[in-house]
Amino acid sequence: MCNTIFEYDCLYASQRHSTCENGPKNVTAKTSQATPKVPKPPGSVQKASADPTAQSQKPGGAASGENERYIVPGLRRGLAMLRLFNTRRRVISVPEMVRELRVSRATAFRLAYTLEADGFLQRTPHSSAFQLGLNVLSLGFEYLGSLDLVEIGQPVLEGLRDRMDASAHMGVRDGTEVVYILSAPSKHRLRNHVPAGIRMPAHATSIGRVLLFDMQPEALHELYRGIEMQKFSPDTPDTVEALCRDLERERAAGYVSYRSEYSQGIASVAAPVRDQSGRIVAGVNVSDYESLSIMQEQEGRLKDEVLSAAAAISSGLGYRGS
């Protein structure tokens, strides 16, 4: 699966702490040629906890309260160390680990040494700093390989790309971000390679917004509590209230469509994918340059094709709704 989206997608990846749609610290992205790896939000604002090694517990994660006694602090610190790496920051020194994890130098070195011994980190040439090892990528491959979503979605996404002659993508939500797990780049406009697991802000992207369709205002307020909602254009919702208004309109239509809302010159149409229970588990879109002829048909043929692709993937997952 091709691991390429295009240059404007790198905007957010290259701005992770600053700012792109098309898109996606780590689930895996997969494209139409090579199999990559999936799915943290900025803010003044809460990240998850004052302690960088104490990640917020989400559904499916470790329990809180009395079950905290089952938590292994050393393992948590090791995982926090891996989360320090991202597309903007591929090499990290031990002193940086000490400062950001708030641990002693000896502890940071032991953690890094252990992760290196197991293939999750590796030393950079001619340096004592570290970068991610191949075993991190292997975990991503295994994760994606276990997803029916990817297996079912890939041929549908590639067919959508071929019919529209424009780039198509699939993403899943991780908190306030979208992680792109499949990408079918246009065969005529290949640009920059996008690393596996690319993340984009959910409130500002078409796939992100369809992934929020099922959330009520109270849940959205809780999700974005203490999180800065960056404004990428005059039309980007930068408050929960504005996001709720957009979602109300888009939910009624059944899809999200916009032009230059997230990245100048880029148009996008997205629709939700549902599983057997009816829960939204992913979103698919066609996102490409506004100047393309097909992108002039956002409210017509393009919208119909994206909705049809989302319905086909949903059907493959067992969804039998209307």
Protein backbone atom coordinates (compact mmCIF):
# COMPACT_ATOMS: atom_id res chain seq x y z
CA MET A 1 0.00 0.00 0.00
CA CYS A 2 1.33 3.34 -1.08
CA ASN A 3 2.48 5.39 1.83
CA THR A 4 1.99 8.67 0.06
CA ILE A 5 -0.62 11.30 0.54
CA PHE A 6 0.69 14.63 -0.65
CA GLU A 7 2.63 17.63 0.39
CA TYR A 8 -0.09 19.53 2.17
CA ASP A 9 -0.69 16.51 4.41
CA CYS A 10 2.74 16.98 5.85
CA LEU A 11 1.66 20.42 7.07
CA TYR A 12 0.11 19.09 10.23
CA ALA A 13 2.67 16.31 10.62
CA SER A 14 5.42 18.88 10.32
CA GLN A 15 3.53 21.20 12.62
CA ARG A 16 2.38 18.64 15.16
CA HIS A 17 3.04 21.22 17.74
CA SER A 18 2.33 23.94 15.17
CA THR A 19 0.20 22.26 11.94
CA CYS A 20 -2.67 19.59 6.94
CA GLU A 21 -6.28 17.33 5.33
CA ASN A 22 -5.83 14.35 4.18
CA GLY A 23 -4.62 12.97 5.92
CA PRO A 24 -2.81 11.58 10.73
CA LYS A 25 1.11 9.11 18.52
CA ASN A 26 0.56 5.95 16.98
CA VAL A 27 -1.69 3.60 15.29
CA THR A 28 -0.60 2.85 11.78
CA ALA A 29 -1.30 4.32 8.43
CA LYS A 30 -1.42 2.05 5.47
CA THR A 31 -1.46 2.89 1.84
CA SER A 32 -2.16 1.18 -1.35
CA GLN A 33 1.29 -0.40 -1.60
CA ALA A 34 3.09 -0.86 1.66
CA THR A 35 1.56 -1.69 5.03
CA PRO A 36 2.26 0.99 7.60
CA LYS A 37 1.43 1.81 11.34
CA VAL A 38 -1.46 3.48 13.46
CA PRO A 39 -3.03 6.01 16.23
CA LYS A 40 -1.80 13.93 20.97
CA PRO A 41 -3.31 17.04 21.11
CA PRO A 42 -1.78 20.32 21.72
CA GLY A 43 -2.81 22.68 24.32
CA SER A 44 -2.11 24.96 27.32
CA VAL A 45 -4.08 23.19 28.26
CA GLN A 46 -4.19 19.72 29.37
CA LYS A 47 -2.32 17.01 27.63
CA ALA A 48 -3.40 14.16 29.79
CA SER A 49 -1.60 14.68 33.01
CA ALA A 50 1.12 16.78 34.50
CA ASP A 51 3.17 13.61 34.65
CA PRO A 52 4.18 12.74 31.07
CA THR A 53 4.49 9.09 32.01
CA ALA A 54 0.91 8.92 33.23
CA GLN A 55 -1.19 8.75 30.08
CA SER A 56 -4.90 9.39 30.29
CA GLN A 57 -6.86 6.19 30.45
CA LYS A 58 -9.27 5.71 27.58
CA PRO A 59 -11.72 2.92 26.90
CA GLY A 60 -9.74 -0.21 26.41
CA GLY A 61 -6.86 1.15 28.47
CA ALA A 62 -5.89 0.58 32.08
CA ALA A 63 -8.59 1.06 34.67
CA SER A 64 -8.44 3.66 37.38
CA GLY A 65 -9.25 3.60 41.08
CA GLU A 66 -8.68 0.36 42.89
CA ASN A 67 -7.27 -1.29 39.77
CA GLU A 68 -4.35 1.18 39.73
CA ARG A 69 -2.46 -1.40 41.79
CA TYR A 70 -2.15 -3.48 38.64
CA ILE A 71 -0.26 -0.73 36.80
CA VAL A 72 3.46 -1.38 36.21
CA PRO A 73 5.20 2.03 36.50
CA GLY A 74 8.32 0.88 34.66
CA LEU A 75 6.33 -0.33 31.68
CA ARG A 76 4.38 2.90 31.61
CA ARG A 77 7.60 4.92 31.60
CA GLY A 78 8.96 2.82 28.75
CA LEU A 79 5.84 3.43 26.69
CA ALA A 80 6.00 7.14 27.51
CA MET A 81 9.55 7.15 26.17
CA LEU A 82 8.38 5.67 22.87
CA ARG A 83 5.66 8.33 22.66
CA LEU A 84 8.28 11.06 22.71
CA PHE A 85 9.13 10.20 19.11
CA ASN A 86 7.07 11.57 16.23
CA THR A 87 7.44 12.70 12.63
CA ARG A 88 8.98 15.99 13.68
CA ARG A 89 11.24 14.43 16.26
CA ARG A 90 12.92 11.27 15.07
CA VAL A 91 16.07 11.44 17.17
CA ILE A 92 16.12 12.03 20.94
CA SER A 93 19.05 12.15 23.34
CA VAL A 94 19.12 10.76 26.88
CA PRO A 95 19.24 14.26 28.46
CA GLU A 96 16.07 15.15 26.55
CA MET A 97 14.41 11.97 27.82
CA VAL A 98 15.44 12.87 31.38
CA ARG A 99 13.95 16.33 31.07
CA GLU A 100 10.66 15.33 29.45
CA LEU A 101 9.95 12.15 31.39
CA ARG A 102 11.12 13.72 34.65
CA VAL A 103 13.21 10.73 35.62
CA SER A 104 16.85 10.36 36.64
CA ARG A 105 19.55 9.98 34.01
CA ALA A 106 20.21 6.43 35.21
CA THR A 107 16.52 5.52 34.84
CA ALA A 108 16.30 7.08 31.38
CA PHE A 109 19.41 5.23 30.25
CA ARG A 110 18.12 1.88 31.56
CA LEU A 111 14.78 2.38 29.85
CA ALA A 112 16.44 3.30 26.55
CA TYR A 113 18.94 0.46 26.83
CA THR A 114 16.11 -2.07 27.46
CA LEU A 115 14.08 -0.78 24.53
CA GLU A 116 17.19 -0.89 22.36
CA ALA A 117 17.94 -4.48 23.41
CA ASP A 118 14.41 -5.50 22.40
CA GLY A 119 14.54 -3.69 19.07
CA PHE A 120 12.15 -0.84 19.86
CA LEU A 121 14.90 1.79 19.85
CA GLN A 122 18.22 1.99 18.08
CA ARG A 123 21.18 4.31 18.43
CA THR A 124 21.77 6.77 15.66
CA PRO A 125 25.07 6.45 13.78
CA HIS A 126 27.99 8.33 15.35
CA SER A 127 25.81 9.45 18.24
CA SER A 128 24.55 8.34 21.63
CA ALA A 129 21.02 9.53 20.81
CA PHE A 130 18.19 7.14 19.92
CA GLN A 131 15.62 6.68 17.19
CA LEU A 132 12.74 4.23 16.83
CA GLY A 133 13.65 0.64 15.99
CA LEU A 134 12.04 -1.73 13.52
CA ASN A 135 10.05 -3.59 16.15
CA VAL A 136 7.85 -0.51 16.60
CA LEU A 137 6.90 -0.77 12.94
CA SER A 138 6.35 -4.51 13.29
CA LEU A 139 3.80 -3.90 16.04
CA GLY A 140 1.98 -1.53 13.71
CA PHE A 141 1.91 -4.11 10.94
CA GLU A 142 0.50 -6.70 13.31
CA TYR A 143 -2.17 -4.27 14.48
CA LEU A 144 -3.28 -3.38 10.99
CA GLY A 145 -3.18 -7.01 9.93
CA SER A 146 -5.70 -7.79 12.67
CA LEU A 147 -8.21 -5.20 11.43
CA ASP A 148 -11.04 -6.43 9.23
CA LEU A 149 -11.51 -2.73 8.53
CA VAL A 150 -8.24 -2.54 6.63
CA GLU A 151 -8.74 -5.75 4.68
CA ILE A 152 -12.26 -4.79 3.66
CA GLY A 153 -11.51 -1.13 3.11
CA GLN A 154 -8.43 -1.31 0.94
CA PRO A 155 -10.00 -2.52 -2.35
CA VAL A 156 -12.99 -0.22 -1.85
CA LEU A 157 -10.73 2.77 -1.26
CA GLU A 158 -8.58 1.97 -4.29
CA GLY A 159 -11.70 1.63 -6.44
CA LEU A 160 -12.94 4.98 -5.18
CA ARG A 161 -9.59 6.55 -6.03
CA ASP A 162 -9.62 5.08 -9.53
CA ARG A 163 -13.19 6.19 -10.30
CA MET A 164 -12.64 9.71 -9.02
CA ASP A 165 -9.04 10.04 -10.18
CA ALA A 166 -8.37 11.73 -6.84
CA SER A 167 -6.78 10.67 -3.56
CA ALA A 168 -8.87 8.65 -1.10
CA HIS A 169 -8.21 7.88 2.56
CA MET A 170 -9.50 6.06 5.61
CA GLY A 171 -8.94 7.11 9.21
CA VAL A 172 -9.93 6.20 12.74
CA ARG A 173 -10.28 8.45 15.77
CA ASP A 174 -7.86 8.52 18.67
CA GLY A 175 -9.08 11.10 21.16
CA THR A 176 -9.19 14.48 19.42
CA GLU A 177 -7.14 13.29 16.47
CA VAL A 178 -7.61 11.22 13.33
CA VAL A 179 -5.08 8.53 12.55
CA TYR A 180 -4.92 7.65 8.87
CA ILE A 181 -4.71 3.89 8.41
CA LEU A 182 -5.27 3.61 4.65
CA SER A 183 -4.34 5.90 1.80
CA ALA A 184 -4.87 5.51 -1.93
CA PRO A 185 -3.01 8.47 -3.46
CA SER A 186 -3.88 9.74 -6.90
CA LYS A 187 -1.70 8.01 -9.46
CA HIS A 188 -1.06 11.31 -11.21
CA ARG A 189 -0.16 13.58 -8.32
CA LEU A 190 2.25 11.74 -6.08
CA ARG A 191 4.19 14.11 -3.87
CA ASN A 192 5.85 13.60 -0.48
CA HIS A 193 6.02 10.36 1.44
CA VAL A 194 3.88 10.56 4.59
CA PRO A 195 5.08 8.49 7.55
CA ALA A 196 2.95 5.65 8.87
CA GLY A 197 0.45 6.71 11.51
CA ILE A 198 -0.04 10.29 10.31
CA ARG A 199 -2.34 12.26 12.61
CA MET A 200 -4.65 15.17 11.92
CA PRO A 201 -6.97 17.22 14.18
CA ALA A 202 -10.48 15.76 14.20
CA HIS A 203 -12.32 19.09 14.55
CA ALA A 204 -10.72 20.52 11.41
CA THR A 205 -10.73 17.57 8.98
CA SER A 206 -13.51 15.91 7.02
CA ILE A 207 -12.80 12.38 8.27
CA GLY A 208 -12.42 13.71 11.81
CA ARG A 209 -15.81 15.33 11.75
CA VAL A 210 -17.68 12.26 10.49
CA LEU A 211 -15.99 10.32 13.28
CA LEU A 212 -17.61 12.73 15.74
CA PHE A 213 -21.13 12.31 14.31
CA ASP A 214 -22.30 9.99 17.11
CA MET A 215 -21.07 12.21 19.94
CA GLN A 216 -23.53 14.37 21.86
CA PRO A 217 -22.62 17.94 22.95
CA GLU A 218 -21.89 16.82 26.52
CA ALA A 219 -19.46 14.17 25.30
CA LEU A 220 -17.79 16.66 22.96
CA HIS A 221 -17.34 19.16 25.79
CA GLU A 222 -15.71 16.42 27.83
CA LEU A 223 -13.52 15.28 24.94
CA TYR A 224 -12.20 18.79 24.31
CA ARG A 225 -11.96 19.89 27.92
CA GLY A 226 -8.67 21.79 28.25
CA ILE A 227 -7.77 21.16 24.60
CA GLU A 228 -6.94 24.04 22.28
CA MET A 229 -8.92 23.77 19.03
CA GLN A 230 -6.62 25.33 16.47
CA LYS A 231 -8.14 27.44 13.73
CA PHE A 232 -6.72 26.67 10.28
CA SER A 233 -9.02 28.92 8.25
CA PRO A 234 -11.92 31.30 8.92
CA ASP A 235 -14.31 28.34 8.62
CA THR A 236 -12.53 26.01 11.07
CA PRO A 237 -14.56 25.57 14.28
CA ASP A 238 -12.39 26.62 17.21
CA THR A 239 -14.88 26.15 20.03
CA VAL A 240 -17.00 23.15 21.00
CA GLU A 241 -20.12 25.22 20.38
CA ALA A 242 -19.05 26.00 16.82
CA LEU A 243 -18.10 22.36 16.27
CA CYS A 244 -21.52 21.23 17.51
CA ARG A 245 -23.24 23.58 15.06
CA ASP A 246 -21.20 22.22 12.17
CA LEU A 247 -21.81 18.63 13.23
CA GLU A 248 -25.54 19.17 13.52
CA ARG A 249 -25.72 20.32 9.91
CA GLU A 250 -23.29 17.71 8.60
CA ARG A 251 -24.89 14.86 10.56
CA ALA A 252 -28.26 15.66 9.00
CA ALA A 253 -26.68 15.53 5.53
CA GLY A 254 -24.83 12.29 6.33
CA TYR A 255 -21.46 13.51 5.11
CA VAL A 256 -18.91 16.33 5.45
CA SER A 257 -17.94 18.53 2.51
CA TYR A 258 -15.75 21.62 2.43
CA ARG A 259 -13.21 23.63 0.45
CA SER A 260 -10.01 25.18 1.83
CA GLU A 261 -11.27 24.83 5.38
CA TYR A 262 -8.25 22.94 6.62
CA SER A 263 -5.61 23.42 3.93
CA GLN A 264 -5.71 26.17 1.31
CA GLY A 265 -6.65 24.88 -2.12
CA ILE A 266 -7.81 21.46 -0.90
CA ALA A 267 -11.39 20.21 -1.12
CA SER A 268 -12.73 17.14 0.67
CA VAL A 269 -15.82 14.99 1.07
CA ALA A 270 -16.06 12.33 3.82
CA ALA A 271 -18.59 9.80 5.08
CA PRO A 272 -18.73 7.52 8.16
CA VAL A 273 -18.14 3.77 8.24
CA ARG A 274 -20.18 1.71 10.72
CA ASP A 275 -19.68 -1.75 12.15
CA GLN A 276 -22.25 -4.47 12.79
CA SER A 277 -23.56 -2.69 15.89
CA GLY A 278 -24.06 0.56 14.01
CA ARG A 279 -21.15 2.30 15.76
CA ILE A 280 -18.99 4.63 13.67
CA VAL A 281 -15.57 2.99 13.52
CA ALA A 282 -13.89 4.87 10.67
CA GLY A 283 -14.30 7.55 8.08
CA VAL A 284 -13.42 7.62 4.37
CA ASN A 285 -12.87 10.62 2.15
CA VAL A 286 -11.76 11.87 -1.21
CA SER A 287 -9.50 14.85 -0.68
CA ASP A 288 -7.54 16.60 -3.41
CA TYR A 289 -6.91 19.90 -5.15
CA GLU A 290 -9.95 22.12 -5.66
CA SER A 291 -8.96 22.65 -9.28
CA LEU A 292 -9.67 19.02 -10.24
CA SER A 293 -12.86 18.61 -12.22
CA ILE A 294 -14.25 15.94 -9.87
CA MET A 295 -13.81 18.28 -6.91
CA GLN A 296 -16.29 20.62 -8.59
CA GLU A 297 -18.92 17.90 -8.03
CA GLN A 298 -18.71 17.76 -4.25
CA GLU A 299 -22.46 17.95 -3.77
CA GLY A 300 -23.18 15.62 -6.67
CA ARG A 301 -21.31 12.65 -8.07
CA LEU A 302 -18.37 12.90 -5.66
CA LYS A 303 -20.59 12.91 -2.59
CA ASP A 304 -22.57 9.96 -3.92
CA GLU A 305 -19.41 7.94 -4.62
CA VAL A 306 -17.96 8.61 -1.16
CA LEU A 307 -21.23 7.65 0.53
CA SER A 308 -21.39 4.49 -1.60
CA ALA A 309 -17.82 3.52 -0.66
CA ALA A 310 -18.51 4.06 3.05
CA ALA A 311 -21.69 1.97 2.76
CA ALA A 312 -19.79 -0.85 1.01
CA ILE A 313 -17.18 -1.01 3.77
CA SER A 314 -19.90 -0.83 6.43
CA SER A 315 -21.72 -3.71 4.75
CA GLY A 316 -18.51 -5.72 4.74
CA LEU A 317 -18.27 -5.14 8.49
CA GLY A 318 -21.77 -6.49 8.99
CA TYR A 319 -23.76 -3.23 9.16
CA ARG A 320 -27.33 -3.72 7.92
CA GLY A 321 -28.81 -0.33 8.72
CA SER A 322 -30.36 2.10 6.29
